Amino acid sequence: MSALIGKKLGMTSVYNDKGDQIPVTVIEAGPCPVVQVKTKDTDGYASVQIGFGEIAARKINKPLGGHFKKADVEPTRHLKEFRHLPTTLSVGEVLTVENFTIGDKVKVSGTGKGRGFQGVVKRHHFGGVGMATHGQSDRPRAPGSIGSSSYPSRVFKGLRMAGRMGGKRISTRNLEIIDIMPDTNILLIKGSVPGAINSLVEIVKY
């Protein structure tokens, strides 16, 4: 298994040998130094903590500064733990895009775009009233009746209603790596991945 932290730069398209146009997401992935290796004996579980993104040492607090100093690693803006990375990795080792190969299937996780407070038509794909009346001729995108009669005399939890949409963690699996550019730490991944431009993503190959 391999894993990297990266930044989504946007989308473009490339052509393969057959001349087919393939939509790809451009991700700047790594380099990611190994900051800590946790084991079951010392920490109760096994994981590997890696960092991403340069940051000046004066911008981090003292506990984090000591954490990086102990690992003898330059401070990074982001830290993530991966439980499936091999604990044989050593602290200070740097993971790069060269840990992946073209054609690998990966899972990409990130925070989806926030859509704000949305109604039921956009949030839950309700059809709306359309041309029907039923007492809602002036509000065709309304949710309609939400409750029952005297029993249970309440609205069930989880009922699909208007509310805040997006801004949640999303994982997309079985995405294919189309190209790797080691000189610029760039991965081209087929299709779209969660998140806005310049948002943080995690790329995992099992």
N, C-alpha and C. Protein backbone atom coordinates (compact mmCIF):
# COMPACT_ATOMS: atom_id res chain seq x y z
N MET A 1 0.82 -1.19 0.00
CA MET A 1 0.00 0.00 0.00
C MET A 1 0.86 1.25 0.00
N SER A 2 0.42 2.26 -0.70
CA SER A 2 1.08 3.56 -0.74
C SER A 2 0.05 4.64 -0.47
N ALA A 3 0.51 5.76 0.08
CA ALA A 3 -0.39 6.86 0.36
C ALA A 3 0.37 8.17 0.26
N LEU A 4 -0.33 9.21 -0.16
CA LEU A 4 0.25 10.55 -0.25
C LEU A 4 -0.82 11.57 0.11
N ILE A 5 -0.37 12.73 0.58
CA ILE A 5 -1.24 13.88 0.75
C ILE A 5 -0.95 14.83 -0.40
N GLY A 6 -1.98 15.44 -0.95
CA GLY A 6 -1.77 16.32 -2.09
C GLY A 6 -2.74 17.47 -2.11
N LYS A 7 -2.59 18.29 -3.15
CA LYS A 7 -3.44 19.46 -3.34
C LYS A 7 -4.06 19.40 -4.73
N LYS A 8 -5.37 19.53 -4.79
CA LYS A 8 -6.08 19.49 -6.07
C LYS A 8 -5.84 20.81 -6.81
N LEU A 9 -5.28 20.73 -8.01
CA LEU A 9 -4.97 21.92 -8.78
C LEU A 9 -6.04 22.26 -9.81
N GLY A 10 -6.86 21.28 -10.18
CA GLY A 10 -7.90 21.53 -11.18
C GLY A 10 -8.05 20.34 -12.11
N MET A 11 -8.76 20.57 -13.21
CA MET A 11 -9.01 19.50 -14.17
C MET A 11 -8.58 19.93 -15.57
N THR A 12 -8.23 18.94 -16.38
CA THR A 12 -7.90 19.15 -17.78
C THR A 12 -8.20 17.84 -18.51
N SER A 13 -7.69 17.71 -19.70
CA SER A 13 -7.88 16.45 -20.44
C SER A 13 -6.61 16.13 -21.20
N VAL A 14 -6.37 14.84 -21.38
CA VAL A 14 -5.21 14.36 -22.13
C VAL A 14 -5.68 13.34 -23.16
N TYR A 15 -4.80 13.01 -24.09
CA TYR A 15 -5.12 12.04 -25.13
C TYR A 15 -4.23 10.82 -24.95
N ASN A 16 -4.83 9.64 -25.08
CA ASN A 16 -4.04 8.40 -24.98
C ASN A 16 -3.50 8.01 -26.35
N ASP A 17 -2.87 6.83 -26.42
CA ASP A 17 -2.27 6.38 -27.68
C ASP A 17 -3.30 6.15 -28.78
N LYS A 18 -4.53 5.85 -28.39
CA LYS A 18 -5.58 5.60 -29.37
C LYS A 18 -6.25 6.88 -29.85
N GLY A 19 -5.87 8.01 -29.25
CA GLY A 19 -6.48 9.27 -29.63
C GLY A 19 -7.74 9.61 -28.85
N ASP A 20 -8.03 8.82 -27.81
CA ASP A 20 -9.21 9.09 -26.99
C ASP A 20 -8.91 10.23 -26.01
N GLN A 21 -9.86 11.12 -25.86
CA GLN A 21 -9.72 12.21 -24.91
C GLN A 21 -10.16 11.74 -23.53
N ILE A 22 -9.29 11.92 -22.52
CA ILE A 22 -9.58 11.44 -21.17
C ILE A 22 -9.59 12.63 -20.21
N PRO A 23 -10.71 12.85 -19.50
CA PRO A 23 -10.72 13.91 -18.49
C PRO A 23 -9.91 13.50 -17.26
N VAL A 24 -9.05 14.38 -16.79
CA VAL A 24 -8.19 14.05 -15.65
C VAL A 24 -8.19 15.19 -14.64
N THR A 25 -7.95 14.81 -13.39
CA THR A 25 -7.73 15.79 -12.32
C THR A 25 -6.24 15.89 -12.05
N VAL A 26 -5.75 17.12 -11.95
CA VAL A 26 -4.32 17.37 -11.71
C VAL A 26 -4.13 17.57 -10.21
N ILE A 27 -3.26 16.73 -9.62
CA ILE A 27 -3.01 16.79 -8.18
C ILE A 27 -1.52 16.92 -7.94
N GLU A 28 -1.16 17.90 -7.13
CA GLU A 28 0.22 18.02 -6.66
C GLU A 28 0.34 17.18 -5.40
N ALA A 29 1.02 16.04 -5.51
CA ALA A 29 1.06 15.06 -4.42
C ALA A 29 2.47 14.93 -3.88
N GLY A 30 2.63 15.25 -2.60
CA GLY A 30 3.94 15.11 -1.98
C GLY A 30 4.89 16.23 -2.40
N PRO A 31 6.17 16.07 -2.03
CA PRO A 31 6.75 14.99 -1.23
C PRO A 31 6.25 15.01 0.22
N CYS A 32 6.09 13.81 0.78
CA CYS A 32 5.53 13.67 2.11
C CYS A 32 6.53 12.95 3.02
N PRO A 33 7.19 13.67 3.93
CA PRO A 33 8.11 13.01 4.85
C PRO A 33 7.37 12.22 5.94
N VAL A 34 7.94 11.11 6.34
CA VAL A 34 7.39 10.33 7.45
C VAL A 34 7.80 11.01 8.76
N VAL A 35 6.81 11.47 9.53
CA VAL A 35 7.08 12.22 10.75
C VAL A 35 7.05 11.33 11.98
N GLN A 36 6.19 10.30 11.96
CA GLN A 36 6.08 9.41 13.13
C GLN A 36 5.59 8.04 12.69
N VAL A 37 6.11 7.01 13.30
CA VAL A 37 5.65 5.63 13.07
C VAL A 37 5.12 5.11 14.40
N LYS A 38 3.84 4.81 14.46
CA LYS A 38 3.22 4.31 15.68
C LYS A 38 3.08 2.80 15.59
N THR A 39 3.30 2.13 16.71
CA THR A 39 3.19 0.67 16.77
C THR A 39 2.21 0.29 17.86
N LYS A 40 1.77 -0.97 17.80
CA LYS A 40 0.79 -1.45 18.77
C LYS A 40 1.38 -1.48 20.17
N ASP A 41 2.66 -1.75 20.27
CA ASP A 41 3.30 -1.85 21.59
C ASP A 41 3.38 -0.50 22.28
N THR A 42 3.70 0.55 21.52
CA THR A 42 3.93 1.86 22.13
C THR A 42 2.68 2.74 22.14
N ASP A 43 1.82 2.61 21.13
CA ASP A 43 0.69 3.52 20.99
C ASP A 43 -0.67 2.83 21.01
N GLY A 44 -0.69 1.51 21.02
CA GLY A 44 -1.97 0.80 21.05
C GLY A 44 -2.53 0.49 19.67
N TYR A 45 -1.96 1.07 18.64
CA TYR A 45 -2.38 0.77 17.27
C TYR A 45 -1.22 1.12 16.34
N ALA A 46 -1.26 0.59 15.14
CA ALA A 46 -0.18 0.80 14.18
C ALA A 46 -0.62 1.80 13.12
N SER A 47 0.21 2.80 12.88
CA SER A 47 -0.07 3.78 11.83
C SER A 47 1.22 4.51 11.49
N VAL A 48 1.15 5.22 10.37
CA VAL A 48 2.29 6.04 9.93
C VAL A 48 1.77 7.46 9.71
N GLN A 49 2.45 8.42 10.30
CA GLN A 49 2.06 9.83 10.15
C GLN A 49 2.99 10.50 9.15
N ILE A 50 2.38 11.13 8.13
CA ILE A 50 3.17 11.81 7.12
C ILE A 50 2.73 13.28 7.04
N GLY A 51 3.62 14.12 6.53
CA GLY A 51 3.33 15.54 6.42
C GLY A 51 3.32 16.00 4.98
N PHE A 52 2.76 17.19 4.77
CA PHE A 52 2.70 17.77 3.42
C PHE A 52 2.63 19.29 3.52
N GLY A 53 3.34 19.95 2.64
CA GLY A 53 3.27 21.41 2.55
C GLY A 53 4.27 22.10 3.44
N GLU A 54 5.10 22.95 2.85
CA GLU A 54 6.11 23.66 3.62
C GLU A 54 5.47 24.77 4.47
N ILE A 55 6.07 24.99 5.62
CA ILE A 55 5.64 26.09 6.49
C ILE A 55 6.84 26.55 7.30
N ALA A 56 6.94 27.84 7.54
CA ALA A 56 8.06 28.37 8.30
C ALA A 56 7.99 27.89 9.75
N ALA A 57 9.14 27.63 10.33
CA ALA A 57 9.19 27.12 11.70
C ALA A 57 8.59 28.11 12.70
N ARG A 58 8.66 29.42 12.41
CA ARG A 58 8.12 30.42 13.34
C ARG A 58 6.59 30.42 13.37
N LYS A 59 5.95 29.76 12.42
CA LYS A 59 4.50 29.77 12.34
C LYS A 59 3.84 28.58 13.05
N ILE A 60 4.63 27.70 13.63
CA ILE A 60 4.05 26.54 14.33
C ILE A 60 4.28 26.72 15.83
N ASN A 61 3.42 26.07 16.62
CA ASN A 61 3.55 26.20 18.08
C ASN A 61 4.67 25.30 18.61
N LYS A 62 4.99 25.47 19.88
CA LYS A 62 6.14 24.76 20.46
C LYS A 62 5.95 23.24 20.50
N PRO A 63 4.76 22.75 20.87
CA PRO A 63 4.60 21.28 20.86
C PRO A 63 4.83 20.67 19.48
N LEU A 64 4.28 21.31 18.44
CA LEU A 64 4.52 20.79 17.09
C LEU A 64 5.98 20.94 16.69
N GLY A 65 6.59 22.05 17.11
CA GLY A 65 8.01 22.23 16.81
C GLY A 65 8.86 21.13 17.41
N GLY A 66 8.54 20.73 18.65
CA GLY A 66 9.26 19.63 19.27
C GLY A 66 9.00 18.31 18.57
N HIS A 67 7.77 18.15 18.08
CA HIS A 67 7.41 16.92 17.36
C HIS A 67 8.26 16.78 16.10
N PHE A 68 8.39 17.86 15.35
CA PHE A 68 9.19 17.81 14.12
C PHE A 68 10.68 17.70 14.44
N LYS A 69 11.11 18.37 15.50
CA LYS A 69 12.53 18.32 15.87
C LYS A 69 12.94 16.91 16.28
N LYS A 70 12.05 16.22 17.00
CA LYS A 70 12.34 14.85 17.41
C LYS A 70 12.50 13.93 16.21
N ALA A 71 11.69 14.18 15.17
CA ALA A 71 11.77 13.37 13.97
C ALA A 71 12.87 13.83 13.03
N ASP A 72 13.48 14.99 13.34
CA ASP A 72 14.51 15.58 12.47
C ASP A 72 13.96 15.81 11.06
N VAL A 73 12.74 16.41 11.04
CA VAL A 73 12.05 16.67 9.78
C VAL A 73 11.67 18.15 9.74
N GLU A 74 11.77 18.75 8.55
CA GLU A 74 11.34 20.13 8.40
C GLU A 74 9.83 20.24 8.66
N PRO A 75 9.38 21.32 9.31
CA PRO A 75 7.95 21.45 9.62
C PRO A 75 7.08 21.43 8.36
N THR A 76 5.91 20.82 8.48
CA THR A 76 4.95 20.77 7.38
C THR A 76 3.62 21.36 7.84
N ARG A 77 2.87 21.86 6.88
CA ARG A 77 1.59 22.52 7.18
C ARG A 77 0.51 21.51 7.58
N HIS A 78 0.56 20.32 6.99
CA HIS A 78 -0.49 19.32 7.22
C HIS A 78 0.13 18.02 7.70
N LEU A 79 -0.59 17.33 8.59
CA LEU A 79 -0.19 16.01 9.09
C LEU A 79 -1.38 15.07 8.99
N LYS A 80 -1.13 13.86 8.49
CA LYS A 80 -2.19 12.86 8.40
C LYS A 80 -1.63 11.50 8.79
N GLU A 81 -2.49 10.70 9.42
CA GLU A 81 -2.11 9.33 9.77
C GLU A 81 -2.78 8.34 8.84
N PHE A 82 -2.05 7.31 8.47
CA PHE A 82 -2.58 6.23 7.63
C PHE A 82 -2.30 4.92 8.33
N ARG A 83 -3.37 4.20 8.67
CA ARG A 83 -3.21 2.96 9.43
C ARG A 83 -2.76 1.79 8.56
N HIS A 84 -2.88 1.92 7.25
CA HIS A 84 -2.56 0.78 6.40
C HIS A 84 -1.17 0.87 5.78
N LEU A 85 -0.46 1.96 6.05
CA LEU A 85 0.90 2.05 5.55
C LEU A 85 1.81 1.10 6.33
N PRO A 86 2.80 0.51 5.68
CA PRO A 86 3.69 -0.42 6.40
C PRO A 86 4.50 0.28 7.47
N THR A 87 4.50 -0.29 8.67
CA THR A 87 5.25 0.33 9.78
C THR A 87 6.76 0.08 9.64
N THR A 88 7.15 -0.57 8.55
CA THR A 88 8.59 -0.74 8.30
C THR A 88 9.21 0.55 7.77
N LEU A 89 8.38 1.52 7.43
CA LEU A 89 8.91 2.82 7.00
C LEU A 89 9.65 3.47 8.16
N SER A 90 10.69 4.21 7.85
CA SER A 90 11.48 4.84 8.89
C SER A 90 11.19 6.34 8.94
N VAL A 91 11.30 6.92 10.12
CA VAL A 91 11.06 8.35 10.30
C VAL A 91 12.09 9.13 9.48
N GLY A 92 11.62 10.12 8.75
CA GLY A 92 12.49 10.91 7.89
C GLY A 92 12.47 10.47 6.44
N GLU A 93 11.96 9.26 6.20
CA GLU A 93 11.85 8.79 4.81
C GLU A 93 10.81 9.62 4.08
N VAL A 94 11.08 9.91 2.81
CA VAL A 94 10.20 10.79 2.04
C VAL A 94 9.44 9.98 1.00
N LEU A 95 8.10 10.11 1.02
CA LEU A 95 7.24 9.44 0.04
C LEU A 95 6.95 10.41 -1.10
N THR A 96 7.06 9.93 -2.33
CA THR A 96 6.84 10.78 -3.50
C THR A 96 5.89 10.08 -4.47
N VAL A 97 5.60 10.76 -5.57
CA VAL A 97 4.72 10.18 -6.59
C VAL A 97 5.33 8.94 -7.22
N GLU A 98 6.62 8.75 -7.06
CA GLU A 98 7.27 7.57 -7.63
C GLU A 98 6.87 6.29 -6.91
N ASN A 99 6.16 6.43 -5.77
CA ASN A 99 5.62 5.25 -5.10
C ASN A 99 4.42 4.68 -5.85
N PHE A 100 3.90 5.42 -6.82
CA PHE A 100 2.78 4.97 -7.64
C PHE A 100 3.28 4.65 -9.04
N THR A 101 2.49 3.89 -9.77
CA THR A 101 2.80 3.60 -11.17
C THR A 101 1.57 3.89 -12.02
N ILE A 102 1.80 4.17 -13.28
CA ILE A 102 0.69 4.45 -14.21
C ILE A 102 -0.20 3.22 -14.31
N GLY A 103 -1.49 3.42 -14.20
CA GLY A 103 -2.45 2.32 -14.25
C GLY A 103 -2.92 1.86 -12.89
N ASP A 104 -2.28 2.35 -11.81
CA ASP A 104 -2.72 1.98 -10.46
C ASP A 104 -4.14 2.48 -10.20
N LYS A 105 -4.88 1.71 -9.42
CA LYS A 105 -6.20 2.12 -8.97
C LYS A 105 -6.07 2.70 -7.56
N VAL A 106 -6.60 3.89 -7.35
CA VAL A 106 -6.44 4.57 -6.07
C VAL A 106 -7.78 5.05 -5.54
N LYS A 107 -7.79 5.33 -4.24
CA LYS A 107 -8.93 5.97 -3.59
C LYS A 107 -8.51 7.38 -3.22
N VAL A 108 -9.33 8.36 -3.60
CA VAL A 108 -9.03 9.76 -3.29
C VAL A 108 -10.10 10.29 -2.34
N SER A 109 -9.68 10.85 -1.22
CA SER A 109 -10.60 11.38 -0.22
C SER A 109 -10.35 12.87 -0.03
N GLY A 110 -11.43 13.60 0.19
CA GLY A 110 -11.32 15.03 0.44
C GLY A 110 -12.63 15.57 0.96
N THR A 111 -12.66 16.87 1.22
CA THR A 111 -13.88 17.54 1.67
C THR A 111 -14.58 18.15 0.47
N GLY A 112 -15.82 17.71 0.24
CA GLY A 112 -16.58 18.18 -0.91
C GLY A 112 -16.90 19.67 -0.81
N LYS A 113 -17.25 20.26 -1.93
CA LYS A 113 -17.58 21.68 -1.96
C LYS A 113 -18.82 21.96 -1.10
N GLY A 114 -18.78 23.02 -0.32
CA GLY A 114 -19.94 23.43 0.45
C GLY A 114 -20.94 24.16 -0.42
N ARG A 115 -22.21 23.80 -0.32
CA ARG A 115 -23.25 24.41 -1.15
C ARG A 115 -24.15 25.36 -0.36
N GLY A 116 -23.89 25.50 0.94
CA GLY A 116 -24.72 26.38 1.74
C GLY A 116 -26.06 25.76 2.08
N PHE A 117 -27.00 26.59 2.51
CA PHE A 117 -28.34 26.12 2.88
C PHE A 117 -29.17 25.98 1.60
N GLN A 118 -29.62 24.74 1.31
CA GLN A 118 -30.34 24.46 0.07
C GLN A 118 -31.69 23.84 0.36
N GLY A 119 -32.60 23.99 -0.58
CA GLY A 119 -33.94 23.42 -0.46
C GLY A 119 -33.97 21.96 -0.86
N VAL A 120 -35.14 21.36 -0.78
CA VAL A 120 -35.26 19.92 -1.00
C VAL A 120 -35.06 19.54 -2.46
N VAL A 121 -35.34 20.42 -3.39
CA VAL A 121 -35.19 20.08 -4.81
C VAL A 121 -33.72 19.89 -5.16
N LYS A 122 -32.88 20.82 -4.70
CA LYS A 122 -31.45 20.70 -4.99
C LYS A 122 -30.77 19.70 -4.06
N ARG A 123 -31.17 19.69 -2.79
CA ARG A 123 -30.46 18.85 -1.81
C ARG A 123 -30.84 17.39 -1.91
N HIS A 124 -32.11 17.09 -2.15
CA HIS A 124 -32.57 15.70 -2.17
C HIS A 124 -33.22 15.28 -3.48
N HIS A 125 -33.14 16.15 -4.48
CA HIS A 125 -33.65 15.83 -5.82
C HIS A 125 -35.16 15.61 -5.83
N PHE A 126 -35.89 16.35 -5.00
CA PHE A 126 -37.35 16.30 -5.09
C PHE A 126 -37.77 16.85 -6.45
N GLY A 127 -38.90 16.36 -6.94
CA GLY A 127 -39.34 16.78 -8.27
C GLY A 127 -40.05 18.13 -8.28
N GLY A 128 -40.54 18.57 -7.14
CA GLY A 128 -41.32 19.79 -7.12
C GLY A 128 -42.74 19.52 -7.58
N VAL A 129 -43.61 20.47 -7.41
CA VAL A 129 -45.02 20.27 -7.75
C VAL A 129 -45.25 20.35 -9.24
N GLY A 130 -44.43 21.12 -9.95
CA GLY A 130 -44.62 21.25 -11.39
C GLY A 130 -45.86 22.04 -11.72
N MET A 131 -46.69 21.51 -12.61
CA MET A 131 -47.90 22.21 -13.03
C MET A 131 -49.09 21.91 -12.13
N ALA A 132 -48.93 20.98 -11.18
CA ALA A 132 -50.04 20.63 -10.29
C ALA A 132 -50.28 21.76 -9.28
N THR A 133 -51.45 21.76 -8.70
CA THR A 133 -51.77 22.81 -7.72
C THR A 133 -51.68 22.25 -6.32
N HIS A 134 -52.68 21.50 -5.89
CA HIS A 134 -52.70 20.89 -4.56
C HIS A 134 -52.35 21.90 -3.47
N GLY A 135 -52.82 23.14 -3.65
CA GLY A 135 -52.59 24.14 -2.62
C GLY A 135 -51.21 24.74 -2.63
N GLN A 136 -50.37 24.39 -3.64
CA GLN A 136 -49.02 24.92 -3.67
C GLN A 136 -48.72 25.57 -5.02
N SER A 137 -49.68 26.19 -5.60
CA SER A 137 -49.48 26.76 -6.92
C SER A 137 -48.47 27.89 -6.90
N ASP A 138 -48.30 28.52 -5.74
CA ASP A 138 -47.37 29.65 -5.67
C ASP A 138 -46.01 29.26 -5.11
N ARG A 139 -45.79 28.01 -4.75
CA ARG A 139 -44.50 27.57 -4.21
C ARG A 139 -44.19 26.16 -4.69
N PRO A 140 -43.87 26.04 -5.96
CA PRO A 140 -43.72 24.70 -6.57
C PRO A 140 -42.51 23.91 -6.07
N ARG A 141 -41.54 24.57 -5.41
CA ARG A 141 -40.37 23.83 -4.93
C ARG A 141 -40.47 23.51 -3.44
N ALA A 142 -41.65 23.62 -2.87
CA ALA A 142 -41.84 23.34 -1.45
C ALA A 142 -41.80 21.84 -1.18
N PRO A 143 -41.45 21.41 0.03
CA PRO A 143 -41.35 19.98 0.32
C PRO A 143 -42.69 19.28 0.48
N GLY A 144 -43.75 20.02 0.73
CA GLY A 144 -45.04 19.36 0.94
C GLY A 144 -45.22 18.95 2.39
N SER A 145 -46.17 18.05 2.63
CA SER A 145 -46.47 17.63 3.98
C SER A 145 -45.29 16.88 4.60
N ILE A 146 -45.03 17.13 5.89
CA ILE A 146 -43.89 16.48 6.54
C ILE A 146 -44.30 15.61 7.72
N GLY A 147 -45.55 15.70 8.18
CA GLY A 147 -45.91 14.99 9.40
C GLY A 147 -47.04 14.01 9.19
N SER A 148 -47.37 13.29 10.23
CA SER A 148 -48.45 12.32 10.21
C SER A 148 -49.66 12.90 10.94
N SER A 149 -50.61 12.05 11.23
CA SER A 149 -51.83 12.47 11.91
C SER A 149 -51.59 12.50 13.42
N SER A 150 -52.63 12.16 14.21
CA SER A 150 -52.48 12.20 15.66
C SER A 150 -51.44 11.19 16.16
N TYR A 151 -51.16 10.21 15.34
CA TYR A 151 -50.06 9.29 15.67
C TYR A 151 -49.08 9.28 14.50
N PRO A 152 -47.82 9.51 14.69
CA PRO A 152 -47.14 9.67 15.98
C PRO A 152 -47.09 11.11 16.48
N SER A 153 -47.77 12.02 15.81
CA SER A 153 -47.82 13.41 16.25
C SER A 153 -46.43 14.06 16.33
N ARG A 154 -45.56 13.65 15.47
CA ARG A 154 -44.22 14.24 15.44
C ARG A 154 -43.61 13.97 14.06
N VAL A 155 -42.50 14.58 13.82
CA VAL A 155 -41.75 14.36 12.58
C VAL A 155 -40.61 13.40 12.88
N PHE A 156 -40.49 12.34 12.10
CA PHE A 156 -39.44 11.35 12.32
C PHE A 156 -38.06 11.96 12.06
N LYS A 157 -37.10 11.55 12.85
CA LYS A 157 -35.73 11.99 12.65
C LYS A 157 -35.22 11.51 11.29
N GLY A 158 -34.41 12.35 10.67
CA GLY A 158 -33.82 11.97 9.39
C GLY A 158 -34.69 12.28 8.19
N LEU A 159 -35.85 12.90 8.40
CA LEU A 159 -36.71 13.24 7.28
C LEU A 159 -35.98 14.20 6.34
N ARG A 160 -36.10 13.95 5.06
CA ARG A 160 -35.39 14.77 4.08
C ARG A 160 -36.06 16.14 3.99
N MET A 161 -35.31 17.14 4.39
CA MET A 161 -35.82 18.51 4.40
C MET A 161 -34.70 19.44 3.93
N ALA A 162 -35.02 20.73 3.86
CA ALA A 162 -34.01 21.72 3.50
C ALA A 162 -32.95 21.79 4.59
N GLY A 163 -31.74 22.14 4.22
CA GLY A 163 -30.67 22.25 5.20
C GLY A 163 -29.32 22.47 4.54
N ARG A 164 -28.29 22.42 5.35
CA ARG A 164 -26.94 22.66 4.85
C ARG A 164 -26.50 21.50 3.96
N MET A 165 -25.93 21.83 2.82
CA MET A 165 -25.57 20.82 1.83
C MET A 165 -24.07 20.90 1.53
N GLY A 166 -23.45 19.75 1.39
CA GLY A 166 -22.04 19.69 1.01
C GLY A 166 -21.13 19.93 2.20
N GLY A 167 -19.84 20.11 1.91
CA GLY A 167 -18.87 20.35 2.96
C GLY A 167 -18.56 19.14 3.80
N LYS A 168 -18.82 17.94 3.28
CA LYS A 168 -18.57 16.71 4.03
C LYS A 168 -17.45 15.91 3.37
N ARG A 169 -16.87 15.01 4.13
CA ARG A 169 -15.80 14.17 3.61
C ARG A 169 -16.36 13.17 2.61
N ILE A 170 -15.71 13.08 1.47
CA ILE A 170 -16.13 12.18 0.40
C ILE A 170 -14.93 11.37 -0.06
N SER A 171 -15.14 10.10 -0.35
CA SER A 171 -14.10 9.24 -0.89
C SER A 171 -14.57 8.65 -2.22
N THR A 172 -13.72 8.73 -3.22
CA THR A 172 -14.01 8.15 -4.53
C THR A 172 -13.01 7.05 -4.79
N ARG A 173 -13.52 5.85 -5.06
CA ARG A 173 -12.65 4.68 -5.22
C ARG A 173 -12.44 4.32 -6.69
N ASN A 174 -11.44 3.47 -6.90
CA ASN A 174 -11.15 2.88 -8.22
C ASN A 174 -10.90 3.93 -9.29
N LEU A 175 -10.18 4.98 -8.93
CA LEU A 175 -9.75 5.96 -9.92
C LEU A 175 -8.39 5.55 -10.47
N GLU A 176 -8.20 5.74 -11.75
CA GLU A 176 -6.98 5.26 -12.41
C GLU A 176 -5.98 6.39 -12.58
N ILE A 177 -4.70 6.08 -12.29
CA ILE A 177 -3.63 7.04 -12.53
C ILE A 177 -3.25 6.99 -14.00
N ILE A 178 -3.39 8.13 -14.68
CA ILE A 178 -3.13 8.20 -16.12
C ILE A 178 -1.68 8.56 -16.40
N ASP A 179 -1.12 9.47 -15.61
CA ASP A 179 0.26 9.90 -15.85
C ASP A 179 0.88 10.37 -14.54
N ILE A 180 2.21 10.27 -14.48
CA ILE A 180 2.98 10.69 -13.31
C ILE A 180 4.11 11.59 -13.78
N MET A 181 4.28 12.74 -13.11
CA MET A 181 5.35 13.68 -13.45
C MET A 181 6.22 13.89 -12.22
N PRO A 182 7.26 13.08 -12.04
CA PRO A 182 8.07 13.15 -10.81
C PRO A 182 8.77 14.50 -10.62
N ASP A 183 9.14 15.16 -11.72
CA ASP A 183 9.88 16.42 -11.61
C ASP A 183 9.06 17.51 -10.91
N THR A 184 7.76 17.47 -11.12
CA THR A 184 6.88 18.50 -10.54
C THR A 184 5.93 17.93 -9.49
N ASN A 185 6.10 16.66 -9.11
CA ASN A 185 5.23 16.00 -8.12
C ASN A 185 3.76 16.03 -8.52
N ILE A 186 3.49 15.77 -9.78
CA ILE A 186 2.14 15.86 -10.31
C ILE A 186 1.61 14.46 -10.62
N LEU A 187 0.35 14.22 -10.22
CA LEU A 187 -0.39 13.02 -10.62
C LEU A 187 -1.57 13.44 -11.48
N LEU A 188 -1.80 12.72 -12.58
CA LEU A 188 -3.00 12.91 -13.38
C LEU A 188 -3.89 11.70 -13.14
N ILE A 189 -5.07 11.95 -12.56
CA ILE A 189 -5.99 10.88 -12.19
C ILE A 189 -7.26 11.00 -13.01
N LYS A 190 -7.67 9.90 -13.60
CA LYS A 190 -8.83 9.91 -14.48
C LYS A 190 -10.11 10.25 -13.71
N GLY A 191 -10.88 11.18 -14.27
CA GLY A 191 -12.15 11.56 -13.66
C GLY A 191 -11.99 12.67 -12.64
N SER A 192 -13.06 12.93 -11.92
CA SER A 192 -13.06 14.00 -10.93
C SER A 192 -12.84 13.45 -9.53
N VAL A 193 -12.32 14.29 -8.66
CA VAL A 193 -12.09 13.91 -7.27
C VAL A 193 -12.78 14.94 -6.37
N PRO A 194 -13.07 14.58 -5.13
CA PRO A 194 -13.79 15.51 -4.24
C PRO A 194 -12.97 16.76 -3.94
N GLY A 195 -13.68 17.85 -3.67
CA GLY A 195 -13.02 19.05 -3.20
C GLY A 195 -12.93 20.16 -4.22
N ALA A 196 -12.68 21.35 -3.72
CA ALA A 196 -12.50 22.52 -4.57
C ALA A 196 -11.03 22.62 -4.98
N ILE A 197 -10.74 23.55 -5.88
CA ILE A 197 -9.36 23.78 -6.29
C ILE A 197 -8.56 24.26 -5.08
N ASN A 198 -7.34 23.75 -4.97
CA ASN A 198 -6.40 24.04 -3.88
C ASN A 198 -6.80 23.39 -2.56
N SER A 199 -7.79 22.49 -2.57
CA SER A 199 -8.15 21.80 -1.33
C SER A 199 -7.26 20.57 -1.14
N LEU A 200 -7.20 20.11 0.10
CA LEU A 200 -6.34 18.98 0.47
C LEU A 200 -7.03 17.66 0.13
N VAL A 201 -6.28 16.73 -0.44
CA VAL A 201 -6.81 15.40 -0.75
C VAL A 201 -5.82 14.33 -0.29
N GLU A 202 -6.35 13.14 -0.07
CA GLU A 202 -5.52 12.00 0.30
C GLU A 202 -5.62 10.95 -0.79
N ILE A 203 -4.49 10.48 -1.28
CA ILE A 203 -4.46 9.46 -2.34
C ILE A 203 -3.92 8.18 -1.74
N VAL A 204 -4.69 7.10 -1.82
CA VAL A 204 -4.31 5.84 -1.20
C VAL A 204 -4.40 4.73 -2.23
N LYS A 205 -3.34 3.94 -2.32
CA LYS A 205 -3.33 2.74 -3.18
C LYS A 205 -3.23 1.52 -2.28
N TYR A 206 -4.24 0.63 -2.37
CA TYR A 206 -4.24 -0.58 -1.55
C TYR A 206 -3.57 -1.74 -2.28
